[in-house]
Amino acid sequence: MHCNESVKFQFPHSNTGAVRALCSCCPAHSLRKKSVPGYGYSSKPAAIYVAATGTLPLNEQFSLFGKLGVAFNHTEFRVWEPGFSGSTTENQTSPMIGIGASFALDMKISFVAEYENFGKVAKDGGDSVKADMLSVGVRFKF
């Protein structure tokens, strides 16, 4: 949806990837500086967001753009060790921002680089988990 050529609205879904780590800090193995088999954790954040976007054309081919909106974040956490595994999910609503640049090869094809910050995707007491995404791509207009 768009109001004019410079202001548009987006309603996308973003999967910011998963983080998986094997534990190297378990008390029984604290002298080791390597991963301990069988111990670990993972997190998998995803976001659906609504954002207004603005575009600033620099010339016929180059333009800059920004977006500001609200992200509805969902994160799945999982932890495991011998004899135990558990998981939980958390939902968090946060402001989101994004900036980027595009280069139009012609009227239908453009190359894009973009940075997006989805804000806090989860909280644990006073700590918070944040999600960012840097992407490059090609856009095709039909």
C-alpha atoms as a PDB file:
ATOM      1  CA  MET A   1       0.000   0.000   0.000  1.00  0.00           C
ATOM      2  CA  HIS A   2       1.335   3.503  -0.730  1.00  0.00           C
ATOM      3  CA  CYS A   3       0.261   7.131  -0.463  1.00  0.00           C
ATOM      4  CA  ASN A   4       2.611   8.428  -3.146  1.00  0.00           C
ATOM      5  CA  GLU A   5       5.931   7.390  -4.677  1.00  0.00           C
ATOM      6  CA  SER A   6       7.925   8.489  -1.597  1.00  0.00           C
ATOM      7  CA  VAL A   7       5.778   7.129   1.264  1.00  0.00           C
ATOM      8  CA  LYS A   8       4.612   3.512   1.515  1.00  0.00           C
ATOM      9  CA  PHE A   9       3.487   1.034   4.159  1.00  0.00           C
ATOM     10  CA  GLN A  10       4.815  -2.488   4.689  1.00  0.00           C
ATOM     11  CA  PHE A  11       3.309  -5.517   6.430  1.00  0.00           C
ATOM     12  CA  PRO A  12       6.065  -8.178   6.123  1.00  0.00           C
ATOM     13  CA  HIS A  13       7.241 -11.172   8.121  1.00  0.00           C
ATOM     14  CA  SER A  14      10.921 -11.480   8.981  1.00  0.00           C
ATOM     15  CA  ASN A  15      12.804 -14.517  10.209  1.00  0.00           C
ATOM     16  CA  THR A  16      16.032 -13.135  11.671  1.00  0.00           C
ATOM     17  CA  GLY A  17      17.725 -16.536  11.867  1.00  0.00           C
ATOM     18  CA  ALA A  18      18.568 -18.859  14.712  1.00  0.00           C
ATOM     19  CA  VAL A  19      21.358 -18.824  17.266  1.00  0.00           C
ATOM     20  CA  ARG A  20      22.675 -22.136  18.526  1.00  0.00           C
ATOM     21  CA  ALA A  21      25.558 -22.603  20.950  1.00  0.00           C
ATOM     22  CA  LEU A  22      27.145 -25.479  22.735  1.00  0.00           C
ATOM     23  CA  CYS A  23      27.858 -24.754  26.369  1.00  0.00           C
ATOM     24  CA  SER A  24      31.461 -24.193  27.485  1.00  0.00           C
ATOM     25  CA  CYS A  25      30.601 -22.665  30.860  1.00  0.00           C
ATOM     26  CA  CYS A  26      28.984 -25.550  32.729  1.00  0.00           C
ATOM     27  CA  PRO A  27      30.384 -25.660  36.310  1.00  0.00           C
ATOM     28  CA  ALA A  28      31.666 -29.225  36.018  1.00  0.00           C
ATOM     29  CA  HIS A  29      33.634 -28.251  32.924  1.00  0.00           C
ATOM     30  CA  SER A  30      34.666 -24.675  33.803  1.00  0.00           C
ATOM     31  CA  LEU A  31      38.378 -25.338  33.229  1.00  0.00           C
ATOM     32  CA  ARG A  32      37.737 -26.389  29.647  1.00  0.00           C
ATOM     33  CA  LYS A  33      37.673 -23.671  27.001  1.00  0.00           C
ATOM     34  CA  LYS A  34      35.822 -25.759  24.426  1.00  0.00           C
ATOM     35  CA  SER A  35      32.261 -26.951  23.878  1.00  0.00           C
ATOM     36  CA  VAL A  36      30.893 -29.713  26.058  1.00  0.00           C
ATOM     37  CA  PRO A  37      28.987 -32.375  24.095  1.00  0.00           C
ATOM     38  CA  GLY A  38      25.351 -32.694  25.108  1.00  0.00           C
ATOM     39  CA  TYR A  39      24.987 -29.203  26.612  1.00  0.00           C
ATOM     40  CA  GLY A  40      23.639 -26.218  24.711  1.00  0.00           C
ATOM     41  CA  TYR A  41      20.946 -23.679  23.957  1.00  0.00           C
ATOM     42  CA  SER A  42      19.280 -22.088  20.964  1.00  0.00           C
ATOM     43  CA  SER A  43      17.004 -19.174  20.200  1.00  0.00           C
ATOM     44  CA  LYS A  44      14.955 -18.555  17.093  1.00  0.00           C
ATOM     45  CA  PRO A  45      13.432 -15.055  16.773  1.00  0.00           C
ATOM     46  CA  ALA A  46      10.888 -14.025  14.135  1.00  0.00           C
ATOM     47  CA  ALA A  47       8.942 -10.802  13.616  1.00  0.00           C
ATOM     48  CA  ILE A  48       5.853  -9.496  11.888  1.00  0.00           C
ATOM     49  CA  TYR A  49       5.887  -5.745  11.592  1.00  0.00           C
ATOM     50  CA  VAL A  50       3.978  -2.762  10.295  1.00  0.00           C
ATOM     51  CA  ALA A  51       6.114   0.116   9.045  1.00  0.00           C
ATOM     52  CA  ALA A  52       5.851   3.361   7.138  1.00  0.00           C
ATOM     53  CA  THR A  53       8.679   3.751   4.641  1.00  0.00           C
ATOM     54  CA  GLY A  54      10.060   6.877   3.045  1.00  0.00           C
ATOM     55  CA  THR A  55      12.302   7.104  -0.009  1.00  0.00           C
ATOM     56  CA  LEU A  56      14.732   9.863  -0.925  1.00  0.00           C
ATOM     57  CA  PRO A  57      15.837   9.630  -4.575  1.00  0.00           C
ATOM     58  CA  LEU A  58      19.411  10.900  -5.021  1.00  0.00           C
ATOM     59  CA  ASN A  59      19.383  10.606  -8.814  1.00  0.00           C
ATOM     60  CA  GLU A  60      17.845   8.372 -11.510  1.00  0.00           C
ATOM     61  CA  GLN A  61      19.502   5.229 -10.136  1.00  0.00           C
ATOM     62  CA  PHE A  62      20.378   5.717  -6.449  1.00  0.00           C
ATOM     63  CA  SER A  63      17.963   6.237  -3.576  1.00  0.00           C
ATOM     64  CA  LEU A  64      18.006   6.038   0.194  1.00  0.00           C
ATOM     65  CA  PHE A  65      15.094   4.789   2.265  1.00  0.00           C
ATOM     66  CA  GLY A  66      14.066   4.496   5.878  1.00  0.00           C
ATOM     67  CA  LYS A  67      11.296   2.793   7.772  1.00  0.00           C
ATOM     68  CA  LEU A  68       9.718   3.245  11.162  1.00  0.00           C
ATOM     69  CA  GLY A  69       7.142   0.960  12.672  1.00  0.00           C
ATOM     70  CA  VAL A  70       6.139  -1.577  15.284  1.00  0.00           C
ATOM     71  CA  ALA A  71       7.476  -5.150  15.414  1.00  0.00           C
ATOM     72  CA  PHE A  72       5.532  -8.009  16.938  1.00  0.00           C
ATOM     73  CA  ASN A  73       8.379 -10.366  17.906  1.00  0.00           C
ATOM     74  CA  HIS A  74       8.129 -14.066  18.742  1.00  0.00           C
ATOM     75  CA  THR A  75      11.168 -15.939  20.081  1.00  0.00           C
ATOM     76  CA  GLU A  76      11.517 -19.639  20.801  1.00  0.00           C
ATOM     77  CA  PHE A  77      14.193 -20.668  23.329  1.00  0.00           C
ATOM     78  CA  ARG A  78      15.496 -24.188  23.835  1.00  0.00           C
ATOM     79  CA  VAL A  79      18.062 -25.569  26.306  1.00  0.00           C
ATOM     80  CA  TRP A  80      19.434 -29.093  26.640  1.00  0.00           C
ATOM     81  CA  GLU A  81      21.816 -31.160  28.718  1.00  0.00           C
ATOM     82  CA  PRO A  82      22.098 -34.897  29.403  1.00  0.00           C
ATOM     83  CA  GLY A  83      18.804 -36.074  30.837  1.00  0.00           C
ATOM     84  CA  PHE A  84      16.972 -32.764  30.358  1.00  0.00           C
ATOM     85  CA  SER A  85      15.683 -30.520  27.621  1.00  0.00           C
ATOM     86  CA  GLY A  86      13.218 -27.682  27.761  1.00  0.00           C
ATOM     87  CA  SER A  87      11.811 -24.905  25.665  1.00  0.00           C
ATOM     88  CA  THR A  88       9.781 -21.746  26.051  1.00  0.00           C
ATOM     89  CA  THR A  89       8.495 -18.954  23.848  1.00  0.00           C
ATOM     90  CA  GLU A  90       8.148 -15.238  24.400  1.00  0.00           C
ATOM     91  CA  ASN A  91       6.238 -12.496  22.587  1.00  0.00           C
ATOM     92  CA  GLN A  92       7.411  -8.885  22.690  1.00  0.00           C
ATOM     93  CA  THR A  93       6.163  -5.729  20.943  1.00  0.00           C
ATOM     94  CA  SER A  94       8.885  -3.183  20.125  1.00  0.00           C
ATOM     95  CA  PRO A  95       9.518  -0.188  17.903  1.00  0.00           C
ATOM     96  CA  MET A  96      11.456  -1.078  14.749  1.00  0.00           C
ATOM     97  CA  ILE A  97      13.614   1.020  12.456  1.00  0.00           C
ATOM     98  CA  GLY A  98      15.339   0.395   9.176  1.00  0.00           C
ATOM     99  CA  ILE A  99      17.585   2.205   6.727  1.00  0.00           C
ATOM    100  CA  GLY A 100      18.830   1.231   3.319  1.00  0.00           C
ATOM    101  CA  ALA A 101      19.960   2.137  -0.146  1.00  0.00           C
ATOM    102  CA  SER A 102      18.995   0.925  -3.576  1.00  0.00           C
ATOM    103  CA  PHE A 103      20.535   1.037  -7.028  1.00  0.00           C
ATOM    104  CA  ALA A 104      18.127   0.732  -9.981  1.00  0.00           C
ATOM    105  CA  LEU A 105      19.618  -1.209 -12.844  1.00  0.00           C
ATOM    106  CA  ASP A 106      16.553  -0.380 -14.946  1.00  0.00           C
ATOM    107  CA  MET A 107      12.823   0.260 -14.378  1.00  0.00           C
ATOM    108  CA  LYS A 108      12.158  -3.314 -13.186  1.00  0.00           C
ATOM    109  CA  ILE A 109      15.340  -4.479 -11.405  1.00  0.00           C
ATOM    110  CA  SER A 110      17.124  -2.894  -8.445  1.00  0.00           C
ATOM    111  CA  PHE A 111      19.786  -3.971  -5.962  1.00  0.00           C
ATOM    112  CA  VAL A 112      19.123  -3.246  -2.283  1.00  0.00           C
ATOM    113  CA  ALA A 113      21.137  -3.172   0.953  1.00  0.00           C
ATOM    114  CA  GLU A 114      19.209  -2.723   4.189  1.00  0.00           C
ATOM    115  CA  TYR A 115      19.681  -2.689   7.960  1.00  0.00           C
ATOM    116  CA  GLU A 116      16.695  -3.390  10.235  1.00  0.00           C
ATOM    117  CA  ASN A 117      16.494  -3.245  14.028  1.00  0.00           C
ATOM    118  CA  PHE A 118      13.528  -5.108  15.532  1.00  0.00           C
ATOM    119  CA  GLY A 119      14.150  -3.905  19.090  1.00  0.00           C
ATOM    120  CA  LYS A 120      13.776  -6.185  22.076  1.00  0.00           C
ATOM    121  CA  VAL A 121      12.577  -9.651  21.120  1.00  0.00           C
ATOM    122  CA  ALA A 122      12.699 -11.087  24.648  1.00  0.00           C
ATOM    123  CA  LYS A 123      13.395 -10.104  28.260  1.00  0.00           C
ATOM    124  CA  ASP A 124      14.874 -12.054  31.141  1.00  0.00           C
ATOM    125  CA  GLY A 125      14.758  -9.996  34.303  1.00  0.00           C
ATOM    126  CA  GLY A 126      16.944  -6.965  33.651  1.00  0.00           C
ATOM    127  CA  ASP A 127      18.496  -8.478  30.508  1.00  0.00           C
ATOM    128  CA  SER A 128      17.016  -8.275  27.041  1.00  0.00           C
ATOM    129  CA  VAL A 129      17.625  -9.960  23.714  1.00  0.00           C
ATOM    130  CA  LYS A 130      17.611  -7.692  20.654  1.00  0.00           C
ATOM    131  CA  ALA A 131      17.423  -8.607  16.979  1.00  0.00           C
ATOM    132  CA  ASP A 132      19.047  -6.840  14.032  1.00  0.00           C
ATOM    133  CA  MET A 133      19.237  -7.876  10.414  1.00  0.00           C
ATOM    134  CA  LEU A 134      21.533  -6.772   7.605  1.00  0.00           C
ATOM    135  CA  SER A 135      20.390  -7.903   4.173  1.00  0.00           C
ATOM    136  CA  VAL A 136      21.246  -7.481   0.525  1.00  0.00           C
ATOM    137  CA  GLY A 137      18.997  -8.451  -2.326  1.00  0.00           C
ATOM    138  CA  VAL A 138      17.492  -7.898  -5.728  1.00  0.00           C
ATOM    139  CA  ARG A 139      14.001  -6.456  -6.255  1.00  0.00           C
ATOM    140  CA  PHE A 140      11.926  -7.258  -9.319  1.00  0.00           C
ATOM    141  CA  LYS A 141       8.909  -5.144 -10.266  1.00  0.00           C
ATOM    142  CA  PHE A 142       6.138  -6.796 -12.246  1.00  0.00           C
END
